[in-house]
Amino acid sequence: MLFGQDNLLAFIRFELNSNIEEEILFCQSLLTKTTGEEIFKSFNSFIKENKVDWSKCEVLTTDGTRAML
């Protein structure tokens, strides 16, 4: 039986020279389930590995699947 591979794609928006820029922050495979907890673990792992200060994160949004997250 074949299963699809779930990926977490995170974008970042930031101000640069008075313009709002948007870029891909990362794309990671979700190796387990796609629950809110697993998605957070994946995102948190990226934040820790790259020594990003959580206090710099102001807003976290999804594509509208609130029931999932």
N, C-alpha and C. Protein backbone atom coordinates (compact mmCIF):
# COMPACT_ATOMS: atom_id res chain seq x y z
N MET A 1 0.84 -1.17 0.00
CA MET A 1 0.00 0.00 0.00
C MET A 1 0.89 1.25 0.00
N LEU A 2 0.62 2.18 -0.89
CA LEU A 2 1.41 3.40 -0.97
C LEU A 2 0.69 4.54 -0.26
N PHE A 3 1.47 5.33 0.44
CA PHE A 3 0.94 6.50 1.11
C PHE A 3 1.62 7.74 0.56
N GLY A 4 0.90 8.85 0.55
CA GLY A 4 1.49 10.11 0.13
C GLY A 4 2.42 10.64 1.21
N GLN A 5 3.28 11.51 0.81
CA GLN A 5 4.19 12.13 1.76
C GLN A 5 3.67 13.52 2.08
N ASP A 6 3.52 13.79 3.36
CA ASP A 6 3.04 15.11 3.79
C ASP A 6 4.23 16.02 4.03
N ASN A 7 4.10 17.25 3.57
CA ASN A 7 5.16 18.24 3.74
C ASN A 7 4.62 19.48 4.42
N LEU A 8 5.46 20.09 5.22
CA LEU A 8 5.14 21.36 5.84
C LEU A 8 5.93 22.44 5.13
N LEU A 9 5.23 23.38 4.55
CA LEU A 9 5.85 24.48 3.81
C LEU A 9 5.58 25.75 4.59
N ALA A 10 6.63 26.44 5.00
CA ALA A 10 6.48 27.66 5.80
C ALA A 10 7.04 28.85 5.03
N PHE A 11 6.23 29.89 4.99
CA PHE A 11 6.63 31.15 4.36
C PHE A 11 6.92 32.17 5.45
N ILE A 12 7.72 33.15 5.11
CA ILE A 12 8.01 34.23 6.04
C ILE A 12 7.74 35.55 5.33
N ARG A 13 7.13 36.46 6.05
CA ARG A 13 6.91 37.82 5.54
C ARG A 13 7.69 38.76 6.43
N PHE A 14 8.33 39.72 5.79
CA PHE A 14 9.14 40.67 6.55
C PHE A 14 9.24 41.97 5.78
N GLU A 15 9.59 43.01 6.51
CA GLU A 15 9.76 44.32 5.89
C GLU A 15 11.23 44.51 5.54
N LEU A 16 11.46 44.95 4.31
CA LEU A 16 12.81 45.23 3.84
C LEU A 16 12.76 46.47 2.97
N ASN A 17 13.45 47.50 3.38
CA ASN A 17 13.47 48.76 2.63
C ASN A 17 12.06 49.29 2.35
N SER A 18 11.24 49.28 3.38
CA SER A 18 9.85 49.78 3.32
C SER A 18 8.95 48.96 2.41
N ASN A 19 9.37 47.77 2.02
CA ASN A 19 8.54 46.86 1.22
C ASN A 19 8.27 45.59 2.02
N ILE A 20 7.11 44.99 1.81
CA ILE A 20 6.80 43.71 2.42
C ILE A 20 7.28 42.62 1.47
N GLU A 21 8.17 41.78 1.97
CA GLU A 21 8.74 40.68 1.18
C GLU A 21 8.16 39.36 1.70
N GLU A 22 8.08 38.37 0.84
CA GLU A 22 7.64 37.03 1.23
C GLU A 22 8.56 36.01 0.57
N GLU A 23 9.06 35.09 1.39
CA GLU A 23 9.94 34.03 0.88
C GLU A 23 9.61 32.72 1.58
N ILE A 24 10.04 31.63 0.99
CA ILE A 24 9.90 30.33 1.63
C ILE A 24 10.92 30.24 2.76
N LEU A 25 10.45 29.93 3.95
CA LEU A 25 11.34 29.76 5.10
C LEU A 25 11.93 28.36 5.08
N PHE A 26 11.07 27.35 4.91
CA PHE A 26 11.55 25.97 4.81
C PHE A 26 10.44 25.06 4.32
N CYS A 27 10.84 23.89 3.88
CA CYS A 27 9.92 22.82 3.52
C CYS A 27 10.48 21.54 4.13
N GLN A 28 9.68 20.91 4.99
CA GLN A 28 10.13 19.69 5.65
C GLN A 28 9.06 18.60 5.53
N SER A 29 9.52 17.38 5.41
CA SER A 29 8.60 16.25 5.41
C SER A 29 8.11 16.02 6.83
N LEU A 30 6.83 15.70 6.94
CA LEU A 30 6.27 15.31 8.23
C LEU A 30 6.34 13.80 8.30
N LEU A 31 7.20 13.30 9.16
CA LEU A 31 7.48 11.87 9.19
C LEU A 31 6.42 11.06 9.93
N THR A 32 5.61 11.73 10.75
CA THR A 32 4.59 11.00 11.50
C THR A 32 3.21 11.47 11.04
N LYS A 33 2.41 11.91 11.97
CA LYS A 33 1.06 12.36 11.66
C LYS A 33 1.05 13.84 11.28
N THR A 34 -0.08 14.29 10.78
CA THR A 34 -0.21 15.71 10.43
C THR A 34 -1.09 16.42 11.44
N THR A 35 -0.93 16.10 12.70
CA THR A 35 -1.69 16.78 13.75
C THR A 35 -1.05 18.13 14.04
N GLY A 36 -1.80 18.99 14.72
CA GLY A 36 -1.26 20.29 15.11
C GLY A 36 0.00 20.14 15.94
N GLU A 37 0.01 19.14 16.82
CA GLU A 37 1.18 18.91 17.68
C GLU A 37 2.41 18.53 16.85
N GLU A 38 2.25 17.66 15.89
CA GLU A 38 3.38 17.23 15.05
C GLU A 38 3.87 18.37 14.16
N ILE A 39 2.93 19.17 13.66
CA ILE A 39 3.31 20.32 12.84
C ILE A 39 4.11 21.31 13.68
N PHE A 40 3.64 21.55 14.92
CA PHE A 40 4.37 22.45 15.81
C PHE A 40 5.76 21.90 16.11
N LYS A 41 5.87 20.61 16.37
CA LYS A 41 7.18 20.00 16.67
C LYS A 41 8.14 20.21 15.50
N SER A 42 7.66 20.03 14.29
CA SER A 42 8.49 20.21 13.10
C SER A 42 8.94 21.66 12.99
N PHE A 43 8.00 22.59 13.18
CA PHE A 43 8.33 24.01 13.09
C PHE A 43 9.29 24.41 14.21
N ASN A 44 9.02 23.97 15.43
CA ASN A 44 9.86 24.28 16.57
C ASN A 44 11.27 23.72 16.39
N SER A 45 11.37 22.55 15.81
CA SER A 45 12.68 21.94 15.54
C SER A 45 13.48 22.83 14.59
N PHE A 46 12.82 23.34 13.55
CA PHE A 46 13.51 24.25 12.62
C PHE A 46 13.97 25.51 13.34
N ILE A 47 13.10 26.08 14.18
CA ILE A 47 13.43 27.29 14.92
C ILE A 47 14.67 27.06 15.81
N LYS A 48 14.68 25.95 16.53
CA LYS A 48 15.80 25.65 17.43
C LYS A 48 17.09 25.38 16.65
N GLU A 49 17.01 24.58 15.60
CA GLU A 49 18.21 24.23 14.82
C GLU A 49 18.86 25.46 14.19
N ASN A 50 18.05 26.44 13.84
CA ASN A 50 18.56 27.64 13.18
C ASN A 50 18.72 28.82 14.12
N LYS A 51 18.56 28.55 15.42
CA LYS A 51 18.76 29.56 16.46
C LYS A 51 17.97 30.84 16.21
N VAL A 52 16.70 30.65 15.82
CA VAL A 52 15.79 31.77 15.62
C VAL A 52 15.16 32.11 16.97
N ASP A 53 15.11 33.38 17.29
CA ASP A 53 14.51 33.83 18.54
C ASP A 53 12.99 33.82 18.39
N TRP A 54 12.31 32.98 19.19
CA TRP A 54 10.85 32.88 19.11
C TRP A 54 10.18 34.23 19.29
N SER A 55 10.81 35.14 20.04
CA SER A 55 10.18 36.45 20.27
C SER A 55 10.11 37.27 18.98
N LYS A 56 10.83 36.87 17.95
CA LYS A 56 10.77 37.56 16.66
C LYS A 56 9.55 37.12 15.85
N CYS A 57 8.93 36.03 16.25
CA CYS A 57 7.74 35.53 15.55
C CYS A 57 6.52 36.25 16.12
N GLU A 58 5.85 37.03 15.29
CA GLU A 58 4.71 37.80 15.77
C GLU A 58 3.38 37.13 15.48
N VAL A 59 3.25 36.47 14.34
CA VAL A 59 1.98 35.89 13.95
C VAL A 59 2.24 34.55 13.28
N LEU A 60 1.40 33.59 13.58
CA LEU A 60 1.45 32.29 12.92
C LEU A 60 0.08 32.03 12.33
N THR A 61 0.02 31.80 11.03
CA THR A 61 -1.26 31.55 10.38
C THR A 61 -1.20 30.25 9.60
N THR A 62 -2.39 29.76 9.23
CA THR A 62 -2.47 28.54 8.43
C THR A 62 -3.25 28.86 7.16
N ASP A 63 -3.43 27.85 6.34
CA ASP A 63 -4.17 28.05 5.09
C ASP A 63 -5.68 27.98 5.30
N GLY A 64 -6.10 28.06 6.55
CA GLY A 64 -7.54 28.05 6.82
C GLY A 64 -8.04 26.76 7.43
N THR A 65 -7.19 25.80 7.66
CA THR A 65 -7.61 24.53 8.23
C THR A 65 -7.52 24.59 9.75
N ARG A 66 -8.34 25.45 10.34
CA ARG A 66 -8.31 25.65 11.79
C ARG A 66 -8.63 24.39 12.55
N ALA A 67 -9.49 23.55 12.02
CA ALA A 67 -9.86 22.34 12.73
C ALA A 67 -8.67 21.41 12.88
N MET A 68 -7.74 21.48 11.96
CA MET A 68 -6.57 20.62 12.01
C MET A 68 -5.55 21.15 13.01
N LEU A 69 -5.37 22.45 13.04
CA LEU A 69 -4.36 23.04 13.89
C LEU A 69 -4.97 23.60 15.15
